[in-house]
Protein backbone atom coordinates (compact mmCIF):
# COMPACT_ATOMS: atom_id res chain seq x y z
CA MET A 1 3.28 18.45 -28.87
CA SER A 2 5.60 19.46 -26.05
CA THR A 3 9.37 19.50 -25.85
CA ILE A 4 10.94 17.55 -22.99
CA THR A 5 14.14 18.11 -21.02
CA GLN A 6 15.45 16.30 -17.97
CA LYS A 7 17.81 16.77 -15.09
CA PRO A 8 18.66 14.84 -11.87
CA PHE A 9 16.22 15.38 -9.02
CA GLY A 10 18.09 13.43 -6.34
CA GLN A 11 19.44 10.07 -5.23
CA LEU A 12 17.39 7.24 -3.75
CA ASN A 13 19.06 3.97 -2.69
CA GLY A 14 21.96 4.66 -5.01
CA GLN A 15 19.66 5.35 -7.94
CA THR A 16 19.41 8.75 -9.69
CA VAL A 17 15.84 10.04 -9.83
CA GLN A 18 15.07 12.31 -12.74
CA LEU A 19 12.94 15.43 -13.15
CA TYR A 20 11.37 15.88 -16.60
CA THR A 21 10.07 19.21 -17.90
CA LEU A 22 7.40 19.19 -20.57
CA GLN A 23 6.73 22.52 -22.32
CA ASN A 24 4.11 23.27 -24.96
CA LYS A 25 4.12 26.03 -27.60
CA ASN A 26 2.10 28.33 -25.32
CA GLY A 27 4.76 28.37 -22.58
CA MET A 28 2.86 26.08 -20.19
CA THR A 29 5.17 23.61 -18.40
CA ALA A 30 4.77 20.47 -16.33
CA LYS A 31 7.59 19.08 -14.24
CA ILE A 32 7.24 15.41 -13.46
CA THR A 33 9.58 13.06 -11.65
CA ASN A 34 9.83 9.31 -12.12
CA TYR A 35 9.66 8.91 -8.34
CA GLY A 36 6.01 8.00 -7.99
CA GLY A 37 5.18 9.52 -11.38
CA THR A 38 4.77 12.73 -9.42
CA VAL A 39 3.65 16.03 -10.91
CA VAL A 40 6.03 18.40 -9.09
CA SER A 41 5.04 21.63 -10.85
CA LEU A 42 2.41 22.78 -13.32
CA MET A 43 2.80 26.33 -14.64
CA ALA A 44 -0.44 27.74 -16.08
CA ALA A 45 -1.29 31.25 -17.25
CA ASP A 46 -3.80 33.56 -15.55
CA ARG A 47 -6.07 36.01 -17.40
CA ASN A 48 -3.16 38.46 -17.67
CA GLY A 49 -0.82 35.89 -19.17
CA HIS A 50 1.23 35.45 -15.99
CA PHE A 51 2.36 31.91 -15.37
CA SER A 52 2.13 30.48 -11.86
CA ASP A 53 2.49 27.05 -10.34
CA VAL A 54 -0.95 25.54 -9.64
CA VAL A 55 -0.01 22.32 -7.76
CA LEU A 56 1.28 21.76 -4.25
CA GLY A 57 4.54 20.00 -3.79
CA PHE A 58 8.12 20.13 -2.53
CA ASP A 59 11.45 21.47 -3.71
CA THR A 60 13.44 18.26 -3.07
CA LEU A 61 13.15 14.53 -3.58
CA GLU A 62 13.93 13.95 0.08
CA GLU A 63 10.81 15.80 1.15
CA TYR A 64 8.62 13.67 -1.14
CA VAL A 65 10.20 10.48 0.29
CA ASP A 66 9.98 11.62 3.92
CA HIS A 67 6.53 13.15 4.37
CA SER A 68 4.45 13.68 1.25
CA PRO A 69 0.70 13.50 1.72
CA PHE A 70 0.51 11.96 -1.82
CA PHE A 71 1.32 15.29 -3.54
CA GLY A 72 0.94 14.84 -7.32
CA CYS A 73 1.68 11.15 -7.42
CA ILE A 74 0.29 8.04 -9.07
CA THR A 75 -1.56 6.08 -6.41
CA GLY A 76 -1.91 2.32 -6.74
CA ARG A 77 -2.17 -0.64 -7.01
CA TYR A 78 -5.53 0.47 -5.59
CA ALA A 79 -6.23 4.20 -5.10
CA ASN A 80 -8.52 5.25 -2.27
CA ARG A 81 -9.73 3.03 0.54
CA ILE A 82 -10.47 -0.67 0.99
CA ALA A 83 -12.50 -1.51 4.10
CA ASN A 84 -10.77 -3.54 6.80
CA ALA A 85 -7.72 -3.73 4.52
CA SER A 86 -9.06 -6.92 2.96
CA PHE A 87 -11.01 -8.34 0.06
CA SER A 88 -11.96 -11.69 -1.45
CA LEU A 89 -11.32 -12.68 -5.01
CA ASP A 90 -12.36 -15.97 -6.64
CA GLY A 91 -12.92 -17.48 -3.19
CA GLN A 92 -9.61 -16.41 -1.70
CA LYS A 93 -9.21 -13.72 0.93
CA TYR A 94 -6.38 -11.20 0.71
CA GLN A 95 -5.23 -9.23 3.74
CA LEU A 96 -3.57 -5.91 2.87
CA ALA A 97 -1.71 -3.40 5.00
CA ALA A 98 -3.94 -1.33 7.31
CA ASN A 99 -2.36 2.08 6.78
CA ASN A 100 -5.42 4.27 7.33
CA GLY A 101 -6.85 3.18 10.67
CA ALA A 102 -8.25 -0.29 10.10
CA ASN A 103 -8.44 0.34 6.36
CA HIS A 104 -6.12 0.19 3.36
CA LEU A 105 -5.32 3.45 1.53
CA HIS A 106 -3.67 4.24 -1.82
CA GLY A 107 -1.87 0.93 -2.31
CA GLY A 108 -0.43 0.43 1.15
CA LYS A 109 2.73 1.35 2.98
CA ARG A 110 4.89 1.35 -0.14
CA GLY A 111 2.46 1.91 -2.98
CA PHE A 112 3.13 3.09 -6.53
CA ASP A 113 3.71 6.60 -5.22
CA LYS A 114 6.92 5.45 -3.52
CA LYS A 115 8.43 3.54 -6.47
CA VAL A 116 11.02 4.76 -8.97
CA TRP A 117 9.46 4.18 -12.34
CA THR A 118 11.37 3.46 -15.57
CA ALA A 119 11.10 6.52 -17.77
CA SER A 120 11.47 7.22 -21.49
CA THR A 121 10.52 10.12 -23.77
CA ARG A 122 9.06 9.57 -27.22
CA GLY A 123 7.04 11.85 -29.46
CA GLY A 124 6.84 14.67 -26.90
CA ARG A 125 5.42 12.35 -24.27
CA LEU A 126 6.78 11.05 -20.99
CA HIS A 127 6.34 7.30 -20.64
CA LEU A 128 6.65 5.65 -17.21
CA SER A 129 6.51 1.96 -16.46
CA TYR A 130 6.61 -0.14 -13.31
CA THR A 131 6.27 -3.89 -12.73
CA SER A 132 4.72 -4.72 -9.43
CA PRO A 133 5.63 -8.30 -8.46
CA ASP A 134 3.13 -10.92 -7.35
CA GLY A 135 2.46 -10.45 -3.64
CA GLU A 136 3.73 -6.86 -3.42
CA GLU A 137 1.75 -5.17 -0.65
CA HIS A 138 -0.07 -8.57 -0.57
CA TYR A 139 -1.84 -8.04 -3.89
CA PRO A 140 -2.08 -11.05 -6.18
CA GLY A 141 -0.49 -11.17 -9.60
CA THR A 142 2.47 -9.52 -11.37
CA LEU A 143 1.06 -6.24 -12.60
CA ASN A 144 2.77 -4.43 -15.51
CA THR A 145 1.79 -0.77 -15.48
CA GLU A 146 2.43 2.03 -17.95
CA VAL A 147 1.52 5.67 -17.43
CA THR A 148 1.96 8.29 -20.16
CA TYR A 149 1.96 12.02 -19.51
CA THR A 150 1.25 14.36 -22.44
CA LEU A 151 1.19 18.18 -22.30
CA THR A 152 -0.78 19.25 -25.37
CA ASN A 153 -0.81 22.57 -27.19
CA ASP A 154 -4.40 22.94 -26.01
CA ASN A 155 -3.03 23.37 -22.47
CA GLU A 156 -4.09 19.88 -21.43
CA LEU A 157 -2.20 17.56 -19.13
CA ARG A 158 -3.34 14.18 -20.35
CA ILE A 159 -2.66 11.01 -18.36
CA ASP A 160 -3.10 7.58 -20.01
CA TYR A 161 -2.89 4.42 -17.94
CA LEU A 162 -2.43 0.82 -19.05
CA ALA A 163 -1.99 -2.30 -16.95
CA THR A 164 -1.94 -6.07 -17.50
CA THR A 165 -1.63 -8.98 -15.08
CA ASP A 166 -0.63 -12.66 -15.07
CA LYS A 167 -3.07 -13.50 -12.28
CA THR A 168 -6.53 -12.19 -11.40
CA THR A 169 -6.09 -9.06 -9.30
CA ILE A 170 -7.65 -5.63 -8.58
CA VAL A 171 -6.54 -2.30 -10.06
CA ASN A 172 -7.56 1.30 -9.48
CA LEU A 173 -5.07 3.99 -10.49
CA THR A 174 -5.30 7.78 -10.27
CA ASN A 175 -3.24 10.94 -10.00
CA HIS A 176 -3.31 12.71 -6.65
CA SER A 177 -2.37 16.29 -7.57
CA TYR A 178 -3.44 19.01 -5.15
CA PHE A 179 -4.55 22.06 -7.15
CA ASN A 180 -4.42 25.70 -6.12
CA LEU A 181 -5.51 27.78 -9.10
CA ALA A 182 -4.65 31.12 -7.56
CA GLY A 183 -0.98 30.35 -8.20
CA LEU A 184 1.50 29.38 -5.53
CA ASP A 185 4.14 31.95 -6.55
CA ASN A 186 1.76 34.88 -6.46
CA GLU A 187 3.02 37.13 -3.65
CA ALA A 188 -0.29 38.96 -3.55
CA VAL A 189 -2.14 35.80 -2.57
CA GLU A 190 -1.74 34.11 0.79
CA VAL A 191 -2.17 30.39 0.56
CA ASP A 192 -5.02 29.77 2.97
CA ALA A 193 -8.35 27.97 3.03
CA ALA A 194 -10.12 30.92 1.42
CA THR A 195 -8.03 30.30 -1.67
CA ILE A 196 -10.05 27.25 -2.66
CA LEU A 197 -13.26 27.92 -0.76
CA ASN A 198 -14.00 30.75 -3.10
CA TYR A 199 -13.56 28.61 -6.22
CA GLU A 200 -16.62 27.94 -8.30
CA LEU A 201 -16.98 24.18 -8.77
CA THR A 202 -19.15 22.14 -11.10
CA ILE A 203 -19.29 18.34 -10.91
CA TYR A 204 -21.41 16.68 -13.57
CA ALA A 205 -22.90 14.04 -11.29
CA ASP A 206 -26.40 13.38 -10.01
CA ARG A 207 -25.26 10.96 -7.29
CA TYR A 208 -22.46 10.35 -4.85
CA THR A 209 -21.37 7.52 -2.53
CA PRO A 210 -22.07 8.31 1.13
CA ILE A 211 -19.43 7.20 3.63
CA ASP A 212 -19.15 6.19 7.27
CA ALA A 213 -16.95 7.83 9.87
CA ALA A 214 -13.90 5.98 8.51
CA SER A 215 -14.61 7.24 4.97
CA ILE A 216 -15.75 3.83 3.74
CA PRO A 217 -18.76 3.86 1.33
CA LEU A 218 -21.99 2.62 2.83
CA GLY A 219 -22.83 0.86 -0.42
CA ASN A 220 -25.69 3.03 -1.71
CA LEU A 221 -25.70 5.75 -4.36
CA ALA A 222 -27.37 8.86 -2.93
CA THR A 223 -28.86 11.73 -4.91
CA VAL A 224 -27.01 15.06 -4.65
CA ALA A 225 -30.29 16.98 -4.98
CA GLY A 226 -31.10 19.07 -1.91
CA THR A 227 -27.69 18.35 -0.28
CA PRO A 228 -24.32 20.12 0.05
CA PHE A 229 -23.07 17.68 -2.62
CA ASP A 230 -25.09 19.25 -5.42
CA PHE A 231 -22.47 20.82 -7.67
CA ARG A 232 -24.45 20.30 -10.87
CA HIS A 233 -24.53 24.07 -11.18
CA SER A 234 -21.43 26.17 -10.45
CA THR A 235 -21.21 26.70 -6.70
CA ALA A 236 -18.52 28.02 -4.38
CA ILE A 237 -16.75 25.17 -2.63
CA GLY A 238 -17.00 26.97 0.70
CA ALA A 239 -20.70 27.77 0.40
CA ARG A 240 -21.81 24.67 2.29
CA ILE A 241 -18.61 22.93 3.40
CA ASN A 242 -19.20 23.79 7.07
CA SER A 243 -22.93 23.00 7.12
CA LYS A 244 -24.21 20.47 9.68
CA ASP A 245 -24.49 17.61 7.29
CA PRO A 246 -23.54 14.15 8.65
CA GLN A 247 -21.65 13.31 5.48
CA LEU A 248 -19.52 16.46 5.73
CA LYS A 249 -18.82 15.57 9.37
CA ASN A 250 -17.68 12.07 8.31
CA GLY A 251 -15.33 13.43 5.66
CA LYS A 252 -14.17 16.47 7.71
CA GLY A 253 -15.36 18.36 4.63
CA TYR A 254 -15.58 17.04 1.12
CA ASP A 255 -13.77 13.71 0.69
CA HIS A 256 -16.33 11.87 -1.40
CA ASN A 257 -16.71 9.97 -4.64
CA PHE A 258 -19.14 11.38 -7.18
CA VAL A 259 -20.85 9.00 -9.59
CA LEU A 260 -20.21 9.96 -13.23
CA LYS A 261 -21.55 6.66 -14.64
CA ASN A 262 -22.32 3.13 -13.50
CA GLN A 263 -19.85 1.25 -15.66
CA LYS A 264 -16.40 1.29 -17.20
CA ASP A 265 -17.06 1.96 -20.87
CA HIS A 266 -13.73 3.71 -21.72
CA LYS A 267 -15.59 6.78 -23.06
CA LEU A 268 -14.08 10.18 -22.20
CA ILE A 269 -16.63 12.49 -20.57
CA ARG A 270 -16.58 15.83 -18.78
CA ALA A 271 -16.40 15.27 -15.03
CA ALA A 272 -15.75 18.63 -13.40
CA ARG A 273 -14.96 22.33 -13.87
CA VAL A 274 -13.24 24.65 -11.40
CA TYR A 275 -13.03 28.45 -11.77
CA ASP A 276 -10.95 30.84 -9.74
CA SER A 277 -12.32 34.38 -10.20
CA MET A 278 -9.20 36.01 -8.75
CA SER A 279 -6.78 34.66 -11.38
CA GLY A 280 -9.31 33.81 -14.07
CA ARG A 281 -7.96 30.29 -14.32
CA VAL A 282 -10.33 27.52 -15.29
CA MET A 283 -9.53 23.83 -14.91
CA GLU A 284 -11.78 21.22 -16.58
CA VAL A 285 -11.43 17.49 -15.95
CA ASP A 286 -12.39 14.82 -18.47
CA THR A 287 -12.11 11.14 -17.68
CA THR A 288 -13.03 7.65 -18.78
CA GLU A 289 -13.51 6.59 -15.19
CA PRO A 290 -16.92 6.01 -13.54
CA GLY A 291 -16.18 8.17 -10.50
CA ILE A 292 -14.25 11.20 -9.33
CA GLN A 293 -13.16 11.90 -5.76
CA LEU A 294 -13.44 15.49 -4.54
CA TYR A 295 -11.04 16.08 -1.66
CA THR A 296 -10.70 19.56 -0.16
CA GLY A 297 -7.42 19.14 1.69
CA ASN A 298 -9.12 18.54 5.03
CA PHE A 299 -6.10 16.75 6.48
CA LEU A 300 -3.38 19.19 5.40
CA LYS A 301 -1.64 20.48 8.50
CA ASN A 302 0.59 23.48 7.76
CA ILE A 303 2.99 21.52 5.62
CA LYS A 304 6.03 23.45 4.43
CA GLY A 305 6.07 23.15 0.66
CA LYS A 306 7.83 24.71 -2.35
CA ASN A 307 9.68 27.98 -1.82
CA GLY A 308 9.03 27.71 1.94
CA GLU A 309 5.29 28.27 1.38
CA ASN A 310 2.99 27.04 4.12
CA TYR A 311 0.17 24.75 3.09
CA PRO A 312 -2.61 24.90 5.71
CA ARG A 313 -5.83 22.92 5.89
CA ARG A 314 -8.06 23.28 2.84
CA SER A 315 -5.51 25.22 0.81
CA ALA A 316 -5.90 22.93 -2.27
CA LEU A 317 -8.34 20.48 -3.79
CA CYS A 318 -7.94 17.13 -5.50
CA LEU A 319 -10.15 15.72 -8.26
CA GLU A 320 -9.13 12.09 -8.49
CA ALA A 321 -10.67 10.04 -11.34
CA GLN A 322 -11.20 6.45 -10.25
CA THR A 323 -13.53 3.56 -9.81
CA PHE A 324 -15.58 3.80 -6.59
CA PRO A 325 -13.80 3.39 -3.22
CA ASP A 326 -13.96 -0.05 -1.59
CA SER A 327 -15.26 -1.52 -4.86
CA PRO A 328 -13.60 -4.92 -4.18
CA ASN A 329 -16.09 -5.30 -1.30
CA GLN A 330 -19.08 -3.66 -2.99
CA PRO A 331 -20.59 -5.96 -5.67
CA SER A 332 -22.91 -3.24 -6.97
CA PHE A 333 -20.01 -0.86 -7.70
CA PRO A 334 -18.06 -0.92 -11.03
CA SER A 335 -15.61 -3.82 -10.74
CA PRO A 336 -11.88 -3.20 -10.21
CA VAL A 337 -11.07 -6.81 -11.14
CA LEU A 338 -8.46 -7.39 -13.87
CA ARG A 339 -7.87 -10.87 -15.25
CA PRO A 340 -5.08 -12.30 -17.41
CA GLY A 341 -5.59 -11.37 -21.07
CA GLU A 342 -7.51 -8.22 -20.17
CA LYS A 343 -6.19 -4.63 -20.26
CA TYR A 344 -6.87 -1.97 -17.64
CA ARG A 345 -7.14 1.34 -19.47
CA GLN A 346 -7.88 4.79 -18.11
CA THR A 347 -7.51 8.33 -19.43
CA THR A 348 -7.87 11.57 -17.47
CA VAL A 349 -7.35 15.05 -18.89
CA TYR A 350 -6.81 18.27 -16.91
CA ARG A 351 -7.49 21.21 -19.26
CA PHE A 352 -6.51 24.78 -18.39
CA SER A 353 -7.94 28.02 -19.79
CA VAL A 354 -8.95 31.47 -18.54
CA SER A 355 -12.23 33.35 -18.15
């Protein structure tokens, strides 16, 4: 298991925010702050044994607070979108914040990504907890949430989620890391769209959820066969991203949920594999969740990140394990409902190797 050290990352409302560094026996490190449970840095080796940072982010806490596009954070209470920022539960309608056009995105204006979590370290793991009070962001129920980060000696960043509630509510948590496997401190590599468009991607899904122009699922599960969404065999991300497909137009590229299974059965399965031929880095994603969102950084706009590096459009990708978007309003989708006495559990593993 990893060793953990900590140091102050900054001040927020008179409170000291910490930065925790997890390091395994192979020299891989993950830096995680208790502000938003955010993965600030992830150092992984390339085929030559050189370690580089493979996630987008900022150098300072202030930048995360001021203008982060959800870099590396825990998103909740409900990750992804809810149509018209509203849902009904047990006969009662709940109106949420409309922070993505007319829709609700990633928990609202001050979601879990903007909270300072209580942190502790035990057994080589980083434990984060946050209690979301009843009515926060207009969600029902007091939600007690725990997220545990583990950096294993198999070069896995494992994320375990647990939540309970005192009133029936909805929950959908994920990590929103933006990955660039070429390595962000590699001076020979310019961080541009070609960096990820050349990656070979496999997603182990036969279906996906088509969306409308506001990125809300239409309600059906469409086959990937014969479409630009067929990643069942390793395919370059950029091979079809600019094709004249209505779904790619709606998402401004890939910003879609892929269907891994139809139910929440808590079984860990392989969801995706990404390979960067330049560095040799491979990232595999396992999850217990029924869906995984592929997002190709379509809305990045030349953000100044770590070490003054510029992050242009499509310079990273996200693979966000989740239940399906807008599931509170889609009865045929796996349910996000959590009731008193039940436990929300989720595990996602990002595994790094070389080829």
